[in-house]
Each structure stands twice: as structure tokens, then as C-alpha cells.
Amino acid sequence: MNKEAVTTLMDERDIERALTRITHEILECNKGAEGLALIGIVTRGDILAQRIAAKIEQIEQVKVPVGWLDISFYRDDLSHHLTPEVHTTKVPFNVNGCAIVLVDDVLFTGRTIRAALDAVMDFGRPSEIKLAVLVDRGHRELPIRADFVGKNVPSDANEQVRLFLEPVDGRSSVEIWQAQPGEHIGSAPLPRHGDETPSQKDSRGR
């Protein structure tokens, strides 16, 4: 990648503080960890979900179930991505009756979240679904609102707001990039390692 970030919005400590705050807000809203489960959206929401789950365990001494979703084939704009990169979906628990928190890196148009909601409902009927995002950059095309937000970031529609995380990128930061004509505006690209998710790659590498 030859271009450079226009602005660095969050560094590693900023990200950690935001995740800690989101964790406390989730626990306060749920009145503890009982009945709670996290589902991260690939490609970096699953890493964030794992980190939030670890913080919940530190605070409540409770391990909450964690899963992850690849929503590639649920998107309503699939025709714009002729060769979607498919990752593994794994929800290793019964979602019926659970208070689900969907976790994503950057909330933009809302189409990813709409697709994730459809995917979750294919697994069962949760008691409720809430949304946690590290960054809300606005420019919504659908009536989607995050319940827990790390940072609200004003941005131009043609800019990329990207989360980079140490396990897959070698650094942790949230950066604004200037999109090139015809370039997809979304999460930072993820190196492929078979069907591994970022969380699996993180576990394998440590």
C-alpha cells in the first residue's frame, strides 16, 4: 500500500480506553453478565468482541459466549462485490433467549449491520440485540443506531475510516485514508490464512 493515512484518530491506548468504557456500558445496560453473549462481525469486529469478553471476565469473573459472523452473502449490495472474500462463521452457543451484543469496528452506512441482524436471526431468537462499535463515522443509509460507541468521527463520504489491530496488521490505530476512485470504502483488507478469522489467527500466533 503506497498511500499514507491522512489522519490518525485513535492510537492503541485510545482504543483500549474505548473498549474498557464500552465494556462497562454493556454490563451496566445488561445489569451484569447474565444471559449476555457477544457476536463479532468479521474481519475485525470478532477481535474486538474477544477483547470485550476478556474485560467482562476480569470485571465479573464470568466467561460470556463469543461467536463471529461473516455476512458477505447477506449483504443487499452483494452485486457491487462480485468476488466477496468469504470467512468462517461460528456461533458456538444457542442464541435463543440471549441478550446479544453485535460488535463491529466502524459503523458507516448501516448495511453491514442489517446483514448481520439477518444472519443472527437465522441462528434463533435472541431476547434482544444491541450494537457496539468502536467508531461511528455517520453517513447512514439505513435507520441503524449503535447502542455503545467508542468514538464518533466526522468524515467525508469518500474517505476510509479504518481500524488496524496488532494481531493482523502489526499496529493498533484508527486512521482516515483517502479513497481512490472505484476503491471499496470499508474495513482494512485482511490477509487470508485459509478459513481462519482474525481471532483464530491471533490465538495461533501467540
C-alpha atoms as a PDB file:
ATOM      1  CA  MET A   1       0.000   0.000   0.000  1.00  0.00           C
ATOM      2  CA  ASN A   2       1.716   3.161  -1.212  1.00  0.00           C
ATOM      3  CA  LYS A   3      -0.589   5.823   0.139  1.00  0.00           C
ATOM      4  CA  GLU A   4      -0.391   7.126   3.699  1.00  0.00           C
ATOM      5  CA  ALA A   5      -3.035   7.847   6.303  1.00  0.00           C
ATOM      6  CA  VAL A   6      -4.429  11.374   6.234  1.00  0.00           C
ATOM      7  CA  THR A   7      -5.149  11.412   9.969  1.00  0.00           C
ATOM      8  CA  THR A   8      -4.653   9.066  12.908  1.00  0.00           C
ATOM      9  CA  LEU A   9      -7.788   9.300  15.048  1.00  0.00           C
ATOM     10  CA  MET A  10      -7.004   6.774  17.784  1.00  0.00           C
ATOM     11  CA  ASP A  11      -3.835   5.078  18.936  1.00  0.00           C
ATOM     12  CA  GLU A  12      -3.531   1.812  20.855  1.00  0.00           C
ATOM     13  CA  ARG A  13      -4.218   3.409  24.242  1.00  0.00           C
ATOM     14  CA  ASP A  14      -7.245   5.274  22.886  1.00  0.00           C
ATOM     15  CA  ILE A  15      -8.653   2.005  21.527  1.00  0.00           C
ATOM     16  CA  GLU A  16      -8.063   0.237  24.842  1.00  0.00           C
ATOM     17  CA  ARG A  17      -9.774   3.006  26.817  1.00  0.00           C
ATOM     18  CA  ALA A  18     -12.745   2.986  24.433  1.00  0.00           C
ATOM     19  CA  LEU A  19     -13.146  -0.787  24.744  1.00  0.00           C
ATOM     20  CA  THR A  20     -12.993  -0.552  28.533  1.00  0.00           C
ATOM     21  CA  ARG A  21     -15.722   2.093  28.547  1.00  0.00           C
ATOM     22  CA  ILE A  22     -17.891   0.095  26.129  1.00  0.00           C
ATOM     23  CA  THR A  23     -17.487  -2.973  28.354  1.00  0.00           C
ATOM     24  CA  HIS A  24     -18.699  -1.108  31.442  1.00  0.00           C
ATOM     25  CA  GLU A  25     -21.634   0.363  29.486  1.00  0.00           C
ATOM     26  CA  ILE A  26     -22.658  -3.100  28.253  1.00  0.00           C
ATOM     27  CA  LEU A  27     -22.556  -4.502  31.793  1.00  0.00           C
ATOM     28  CA  GLU A  28     -24.483  -1.571  33.187  1.00  0.00           C
ATOM     29  CA  CYS A  29     -27.142  -1.850  30.483  1.00  0.00           C
ATOM     30  CA  ASN A  30     -27.449  -5.635  30.957  1.00  0.00           C
ATOM     31  CA  LYS A  31     -27.217  -5.359  34.767  1.00  0.00           C
ATOM     32  CA  GLY A  32     -24.268  -7.736  34.771  1.00  0.00           C
ATOM     33  CA  ALA A  33     -23.155 -10.569  32.517  1.00  0.00           C
ATOM     34  CA  GLU A  34     -26.068 -12.969  32.992  1.00  0.00           C
ATOM     35  CA  GLY A  35     -27.619 -14.071  29.696  1.00  0.00           C
ATOM     36  CA  LEU A  36     -25.131 -11.997  27.734  1.00  0.00           C
ATOM     37  CA  ALA A  37     -23.369 -13.143  24.549  1.00  0.00           C
ATOM     38  CA  LEU A  38     -21.147 -11.353  22.042  1.00  0.00           C
ATOM     39  CA  ILE A  39     -21.016 -11.812  18.274  1.00  0.00           C
ATOM     40  CA  GLY A  40     -18.267 -10.044  16.346  1.00  0.00           C
ATOM     41  CA  ILE A  41     -18.506  -9.208  12.663  1.00  0.00           C
ATOM     42  CA  VAL A  42     -15.524 -10.359  10.620  1.00  0.00           C
ATOM     43  CA  THR A  43     -12.997  -9.013   9.820  1.00  0.00           C
ATOM     44  CA  ARG A  44     -12.088  -7.053  12.962  1.00  0.00           C
ATOM     45  CA  GLY A  45     -15.265  -6.975  14.986  1.00  0.00           C
ATOM     46  CA  ASP A  46     -14.517 -10.517  16.105  1.00  0.00           C
ATOM     47  CA  ILE A  47     -11.204  -9.453  17.639  1.00  0.00           C
ATOM     48  CA  LEU A  48     -12.948  -6.578  19.427  1.00  0.00           C
ATOM     49  CA  ALA A  49     -15.621  -8.984  20.707  1.00  0.00           C
ATOM     50  CA  GLN A  50     -12.925 -11.251  22.141  1.00  0.00           C
ATOM     51  CA  ARG A  51     -11.308  -8.300  23.899  1.00  0.00           C
ATOM     52  CA  ILE A  52     -14.588  -7.110  25.362  1.00  0.00           C
ATOM     53  CA  ALA A  53     -15.320 -10.657  26.560  1.00  0.00           C
ATOM     54  CA  ALA A  54     -11.919 -10.762  28.284  1.00  0.00           C
ATOM     55  CA  LYS A  55     -12.670  -7.470  30.036  1.00  0.00           C
ATOM     56  CA  ILE A  56     -16.080  -8.761  31.150  1.00  0.00           C
ATOM     57  CA  GLU A  57     -14.386 -11.812  32.645  1.00  0.00           C
ATOM     58  CA  GLN A  58     -11.938  -9.577  34.526  1.00  0.00           C
ATOM     59  CA  ILE A  59     -14.757  -7.467  35.947  1.00  0.00           C
ATOM     60  CA  GLU A  60     -17.481 -10.068  36.569  1.00  0.00           C
ATOM     61  CA  GLN A  61     -15.463 -13.322  36.750  1.00  0.00           C
ATOM     62  CA  VAL A  62     -17.875 -14.689  34.136  1.00  0.00           C
ATOM     63  CA  LYS A  63     -16.990 -16.073  30.720  1.00  0.00           C
ATOM     64  CA  VAL A  64     -19.574 -14.884  28.221  1.00  0.00           C
ATOM     65  CA  PRO A  65     -20.070 -16.824  24.969  1.00  0.00           C
ATOM     66  CA  VAL A  66     -18.433 -15.293  21.897  1.00  0.00           C
ATOM     67  CA  GLY A  67     -19.111 -16.004  18.233  1.00  0.00           C
ATOM     68  CA  TRP A  68     -18.316 -14.389  14.931  1.00  0.00           C
ATOM     69  CA  LEU A  69     -20.146 -13.769  11.670  1.00  0.00           C
ATOM     70  CA  ASP A  70     -19.140 -13.444   8.062  1.00  0.00           C
ATOM     71  CA  ILE A  71     -22.047 -11.534   6.495  1.00  0.00           C
ATOM     72  CA  SER A  72     -20.740 -11.492   2.896  1.00  0.00           C
ATOM     73  CA  PHE A  73     -23.731 -13.309   1.383  1.00  0.00           C
ATOM     74  CA  TYR A  74     -26.326 -11.500   3.494  1.00  0.00           C
ATOM     75  CA  ARG A  75     -25.453  -8.067   2.107  1.00  0.00           C
ATOM     76  CA  ASP A  76     -28.037  -6.294  -0.037  1.00  0.00           C
ATOM     77  CA  ASP A  77     -25.215  -4.728  -2.071  1.00  0.00           C
ATOM     78  CA  LEU A  78     -23.597  -8.078  -2.938  1.00  0.00           C
ATOM     79  CA  SER A  79     -23.828  -7.237  -6.648  1.00  0.00           C
ATOM     80  CA  HIS A  80     -21.238  -4.489  -6.067  1.00  0.00           C
ATOM     81  CA  HIS A  81     -18.770  -7.081  -4.719  1.00  0.00           C
ATOM     82  CA  LEU A  82     -18.507  -9.675  -7.485  1.00  0.00           C
ATOM     83  CA  THR A  83     -15.972 -11.837  -5.650  1.00  0.00           C
ATOM     84  CA  PRO A  84     -16.657 -11.396  -1.912  1.00  0.00           C
ATOM     85  CA  GLU A  85     -13.947 -12.718   0.381  1.00  0.00           C
ATOM     86  CA  VAL A  86     -15.599 -15.430   2.440  1.00  0.00           C
ATOM     87  CA  HIS A  87     -14.514 -16.162   6.011  1.00  0.00           C
ATOM     88  CA  THR A  88     -15.764 -18.566   8.650  1.00  0.00           C
ATOM     89  CA  THR A  89     -18.950 -18.006  10.638  1.00  0.00           C
ATOM     90  CA  LYS A  90     -19.099 -19.651  14.054  1.00  0.00           C
ATOM     91  CA  VAL A  91     -21.754 -19.109  16.713  1.00  0.00           C
ATOM     92  CA  PRO A  92     -20.993 -21.917  19.195  1.00  0.00           C
ATOM     93  CA  PHE A  93     -23.942 -21.313  21.520  1.00  0.00           C
ATOM     94  CA  ASN A  94     -27.738 -21.241  21.469  1.00  0.00           C
ATOM     95  CA  VAL A  95     -28.811 -17.653  20.764  1.00  0.00           C
ATOM     96  CA  ASN A  96     -32.424 -18.251  21.854  1.00  0.00           C
ATOM     97  CA  GLY A  97     -33.204 -16.008  24.801  1.00  0.00           C
ATOM     98  CA  CYS A  98     -29.730 -14.440  24.872  1.00  0.00           C
ATOM     99  CA  ALA A  99     -29.013 -10.744  25.122  1.00  0.00           C
ATOM    100  CA  ILE A 100     -26.792 -10.443  22.062  1.00  0.00           C
ATOM    101  CA  VAL A 101     -24.316  -7.633  21.546  1.00  0.00           C
ATOM    102  CA  LEU A 102     -23.147  -7.363  17.948  1.00  0.00           C
ATOM    103  CA  VAL A 103     -19.621  -5.940  17.771  1.00  0.00           C
ATOM    104  CA  ASP A 104     -18.194  -4.171  14.723  1.00  0.00           C
ATOM    105  CA  ASP A 105     -15.241  -1.917  14.053  1.00  0.00           C
ATOM    106  CA  VAL A 106     -16.655   1.018  12.043  1.00  0.00           C
ATOM    107  CA  LEU A 107     -20.340   1.896  11.592  1.00  0.00           C
ATOM    108  CA  PHE A 108     -20.906   3.600   8.240  1.00  0.00           C
ATOM    109  CA  THR A 109     -23.975   3.092   6.007  1.00  0.00           C
ATOM    110  CA  GLY A 110     -25.616   0.507   8.274  1.00  0.00           C
ATOM    111  CA  ARG A 111     -25.776  -2.165   5.561  1.00  0.00           C
ATOM    112  CA  THR A 112     -23.273  -4.443   7.287  1.00  0.00           C
ATOM    113  CA  ILE A 113     -25.338  -4.336  10.484  1.00  0.00           C
ATOM    114  CA  ARG A 114     -28.593  -5.005   8.649  1.00  0.00           C
ATOM    115  CA  ALA A 115     -26.955  -8.072   7.090  1.00  0.00           C
ATOM    116  CA  ALA A 116     -25.621  -9.169  10.498  1.00  0.00           C
ATOM    117  CA  LEU A 117     -29.107  -8.940  12.014  1.00  0.00           C
ATOM    118  CA  ASP A 118     -30.448 -11.235   9.290  1.00  0.00           C
ATOM    119  CA  ALA A 119     -27.579 -13.653   9.925  1.00  0.00           C
ATOM    120  CA  VAL A 120     -28.171 -13.746  13.688  1.00  0.00           C
ATOM    121  CA  MET A 121     -31.884 -14.414  13.236  1.00  0.00           C
ATOM    122  CA  ASP A 122     -31.008 -17.481  11.157  1.00  0.00           C
ATOM    123  CA  PHE A 123     -29.467 -18.942  14.329  1.00  0.00           C
ATOM    124  CA  GLY A 124     -32.513 -18.379  16.542  1.00  0.00           C
ATOM    125  CA  ARG A 125     -34.471 -15.806  18.509  1.00  0.00           C
ATOM    126  CA  PRO A 126     -32.447 -13.695  20.989  1.00  0.00           C
ATOM    127  CA  SER A 127     -34.235 -11.785  23.726  1.00  0.00           C
ATOM    128  CA  GLU A 128     -32.616  -8.616  22.357  1.00  0.00           C
ATOM    129  CA  ILE A 129     -29.833  -7.469  20.056  1.00  0.00           C
ATOM    130  CA  LYS A 130     -27.717  -4.399  20.756  1.00  0.00           C
ATOM    131  CA  LEU A 131     -24.856  -2.934  18.761  1.00  0.00           C
ATOM    132  CA  ALA A 132     -21.374  -1.930  19.938  1.00  0.00           C
ATOM    133  CA  VAL A 133     -18.966  -0.204  17.541  1.00  0.00           C
ATOM    134  CA  LEU A 134     -15.530   1.232  18.089  1.00  0.00           C
ATOM    135  CA  VAL A 135     -16.130   4.086  15.625  1.00  0.00           C
ATOM    136  CA  ASP A 136     -19.340   5.680  14.319  1.00  0.00           C
ATOM    137  CA  ARG A 137     -18.495   7.757  11.256  1.00  0.00           C
ATOM    138  CA  GLY A 138     -22.031   8.734  10.222  1.00  0.00           C
ATOM    139  CA  HIS A 139     -23.354   8.727   6.618  1.00  0.00           C
ATOM    140  CA  ARG A 140     -26.131   6.263   7.425  1.00  0.00           C
ATOM    141  CA  GLU A 141     -28.211   4.877   4.553  1.00  0.00           C
ATOM    142  CA  LEU A 142     -30.396   2.721   6.810  1.00  0.00           C
ATOM    143  CA  PRO A 143     -32.003   3.549  10.193  1.00  0.00           C
ATOM    144  CA  ILE A 144     -29.315   1.802  12.237  1.00  0.00           C
ATOM    145  CA  ARG A 145     -28.063   3.245  15.540  1.00  0.00           C
ATOM    146  CA  ALA A 146     -25.293   1.950  17.779  1.00  0.00           C
ATOM    147  CA  ASP A 147     -26.062   1.437  21.466  1.00  0.00           C
ATOM    148  CA  PHE A 148     -22.404   1.581  22.543  1.00  0.00           C
ATOM    149  CA  VAL A 149     -19.877   3.777  20.698  1.00  0.00           C
ATOM    150  CA  GLY A 150     -16.174   4.201  21.326  1.00  0.00           C
ATOM    151  CA  LYS A 151     -15.761   7.365  19.279  1.00  0.00           C
ATOM    152  CA  ASN A 152     -17.912   9.456  16.937  1.00  0.00           C
ATOM    153  CA  VAL A 153     -15.837  10.577  13.955  1.00  0.00           C
ATOM    154  CA  PRO A 154     -16.976  13.197  11.427  1.00  0.00           C
ATOM    155  CA  SER A 155     -15.751  12.127   7.991  1.00  0.00           C
ATOM    156  CA  ASP A 156     -16.323  12.732   4.305  1.00  0.00           C
ATOM    157  CA  ALA A 157     -18.275  10.042   2.474  1.00  0.00           C
ATOM    158  CA  ASN A 158     -15.336   9.377   0.132  1.00  0.00           C
ATOM    159  CA  GLU A 159     -12.869   8.792   2.969  1.00  0.00           C
ATOM    160  CA  GLN A 160     -11.974   5.454   4.512  1.00  0.00           C
ATOM    161  CA  VAL A 161     -12.038   5.167   8.305  1.00  0.00           C
ATOM    162  CA  ARG A 162     -10.028   2.048   9.055  1.00  0.00           C
ATOM    163  CA  LEU A 163      -9.223   0.092  12.190  1.00  0.00           C
ATOM    164  CA  PHE A 164      -5.837  -1.613  12.303  1.00  0.00           C
ATOM    165  CA  LEU A 165      -5.140  -4.151  15.055  1.00  0.00           C
ATOM    166  CA  GLU A 166      -1.819  -5.595  16.182  1.00  0.00           C
ATOM    167  CA  PRO A 167      -2.648  -9.291  15.651  1.00  0.00           C
ATOM    168  CA  VAL A 168      -3.368  -8.858  11.931  1.00  0.00           C
ATOM    169  CA  ASP A 169      -1.802  -5.515  10.989  1.00  0.00           C
ATOM    170  CA  GLY A 170       1.279  -5.093  13.143  1.00  0.00           C
ATOM    171  CA  ARG A 171      -0.106  -1.914  14.729  1.00  0.00           C
ATOM    172  CA  SER A 172      -3.247  -0.735  16.521  1.00  0.00           C
ATOM    173  CA  SER A 173      -4.838   2.513  15.381  1.00  0.00           C
ATOM    174  CA  VAL A 174      -7.877   4.088  13.764  1.00  0.00           C
ATOM    175  CA  GLU A 175      -6.914   6.082  10.689  1.00  0.00           C
ATOM    176  CA  ILE A 176      -8.565   8.124   7.956  1.00  0.00           C
ATOM    177  CA  TRP A 177      -7.451   7.272   4.436  1.00  0.00           C
ATOM    178  CA  GLN A 178      -8.355   8.996   1.186  1.00  0.00           C
ATOM    179  CA  ALA A 179     -10.164   6.507  -1.039  1.00  0.00           C
ATOM    180  CA  GLN A 180      -9.079   6.142  -4.639  1.00  0.00           C
ATOM    181  CA  PRO A 181     -11.697   6.252  -7.456  1.00  0.00           C
ATOM    182  CA  GLY A 182     -13.543   2.943  -7.578  1.00  0.00           C
ATOM    183  CA  GLU A 183     -11.977   1.702  -4.324  1.00  0.00           C
ATOM    184  CA  HIS A 184     -14.219  -0.023  -1.792  1.00  0.00           C
ATOM    185  CA  ILE A 185     -14.746   2.107   1.313  1.00  0.00           C
ATOM    186  CA  GLY A 186     -14.740  -0.213   4.300  1.00  0.00           C
ATOM    187  CA  SER A 187     -12.580  -2.169   6.708  1.00  0.00           C
ATOM    188  CA  ALA A 188      -8.872  -2.557   6.129  1.00  0.00           C
ATOM    189  CA  PRO A 189      -8.128  -5.601   3.961  1.00  0.00           C
ATOM    190  CA  LEU A 190      -7.296  -8.769   5.834  1.00  0.00           C
ATOM    191  CA  PRO A 191      -4.538 -11.223   4.891  1.00  0.00           C
ATOM    192  CA  ARG A 192      -6.001 -14.662   4.229  1.00  0.00           C
ATOM    193  CA  HIS A 193      -4.853 -17.704   6.201  1.00  0.00           C
ATOM    194  CA  GLY A 194      -7.203 -20.418   4.986  1.00  0.00           C
ATOM    195  CA  ASP A 195     -10.528 -20.094   6.777  1.00  0.00           C
ATOM    196  CA  GLU A 196      -9.084 -18.506   9.912  1.00  0.00           C
ATOM    197  CA  THR A 197     -10.776 -15.500  11.394  1.00  0.00           C
ATOM    198  CA  PRO A 198      -8.633 -12.713  12.862  1.00  0.00           C
ATOM    199  CA  SER A 199      -9.289 -14.137  16.326  1.00  0.00           C
ATOM    200  CA  GLN A 200      -8.118 -17.567  15.251  1.00  0.00           C
ATOM    201  CA  LYS A 201      -5.009 -16.083  13.731  1.00  0.00           C
ATOM    202  CA  ASP A 202      -4.365 -14.137  16.939  1.00  0.00           C
ATOM    203  CA  SER A 203      -4.642 -17.323  19.021  1.00  0.00           C
ATOM    204  CA  ARG A 204      -2.457 -19.263  16.616  1.00  0.00           C
ATOM    205  CA  GLY A 205       0.241 -16.603  16.660  1.00  0.00           C
ATOM    206  CA  ARG A 206       0.525 -16.282  20.441  1.00  0.00           C
END
